[in-house]
Amino acid sequence: MKIEYVTAVVKEGGVKVDQLFFHDPDGYMVEICNCQNLPVLPLSSCPITNKLPKGNRNEE
C-alpha cells in the first residue's frame, strides 16, 4: 500500500518534536508525533488566561 506522507522536525526552546503527516482514506489529515517530548505546562502559566474576564476564569 503506497501512502504519501510528509515529515517535519520542529525545534523550539531546546525541545525537538518529529512529525509525520498523511491523509486517511476519508481525506482527513493525520499527524503522528513524539509529542511526549513537549513539556506539560499548567494553564496558569498561559498569558491568555490572565486576560479573560473574571467571570470566565475557573476561579473559586
Protein backbone atom coordinates (compact mmCIF):
# COMPACT_ATOMS: atom_id res chain seq x y z
CA MET A 1 0.00 0.00 0.00
CA LYS A 2 1.54 3.29 -1.09
CA ILE A 3 0.74 6.22 1.18
CA GLU A 4 2.17 9.65 0.52
CA TYR A 5 3.41 11.39 3.63
CA VAL A 6 5.41 14.41 4.75
CA THR A 7 7.82 14.59 7.67
CA ALA A 8 8.92 17.58 9.71
CA VAL A 9 11.14 18.30 12.67
CA VAL A 10 10.24 21.19 14.96
CA LYS A 11 12.86 22.53 17.37
CA GLU A 12 11.99 25.24 19.85
CA GLY A 13 13.42 26.11 23.24
CA GLY A 14 15.63 23.02 23.29
CA VAL A 15 12.68 20.68 22.58
CA LYS A 16 12.66 18.61 19.38
CA VAL A 17 9.47 17.02 18.02
CA ASP A 18 9.41 14.73 14.97
CA GLN A 19 6.18 14.79 12.96
CA LEU A 20 4.70 12.66 10.18
CA PHE A 21 1.59 13.76 8.25
CA PHE A 22 -0.62 11.79 5.86
CA HIS A 23 -4.23 11.75 4.63
CA ASP A 24 -6.56 8.95 5.71
CA PRO A 25 -8.99 7.37 3.18
CA ASP A 26 -11.67 9.93 4.13
CA GLY A 27 -9.33 12.82 3.32
CA TYR A 28 -8.60 13.87 6.90
CA MET A 29 -5.00 14.77 7.71
CA VAL A 30 -3.41 12.60 10.38
CA GLU A 31 -0.39 13.67 12.44
CA ILE A 32 1.84 11.23 14.26
CA CYS A 33 4.50 12.70 16.50
CA ASN A 34 6.61 12.05 19.55
CA CYS A 35 4.59 14.70 21.39
CA GLN A 36 5.64 13.27 24.76
CA ASN A 37 8.72 15.46 24.24
CA LEU A 38 6.56 18.58 24.74
CA PRO A 39 6.55 19.95 28.28
CA VAL A 40 3.26 19.98 30.17
CA LEU A 41 2.59 23.50 31.44
CA PRO A 42 -0.16 24.48 33.87
CA LEU A 43 -2.84 26.75 32.41
CA SER A 44 -1.97 29.39 35.00
CA SER A 45 1.32 29.92 33.12
CA CYS A 46 -0.59 30.74 29.91
CA PRO A 47 -0.65 34.52 29.33
CA ILE A 48 -4.14 34.43 27.76
CA THR A 49 -5.78 33.14 30.96
CA ASN A 50 -4.85 36.36 32.72
CA LYS A 51 -6.65 38.41 30.02
CA LEU A 52 -10.03 36.65 30.30
CA PRO A 53 -12.85 38.50 32.05
CA LYS A 54 -13.08 37.47 35.70
CA GLY A 55 -16.38 35.56 35.18
CA ASN A 56 -14.78 33.31 32.52
CA ARG A 57 -11.94 32.08 34.70
CA ASN A 58 -12.19 28.87 36.67
CA GLU A 59 -11.52 30.59 39.97
CA GLU A 60 -13.13 29.54 43.22
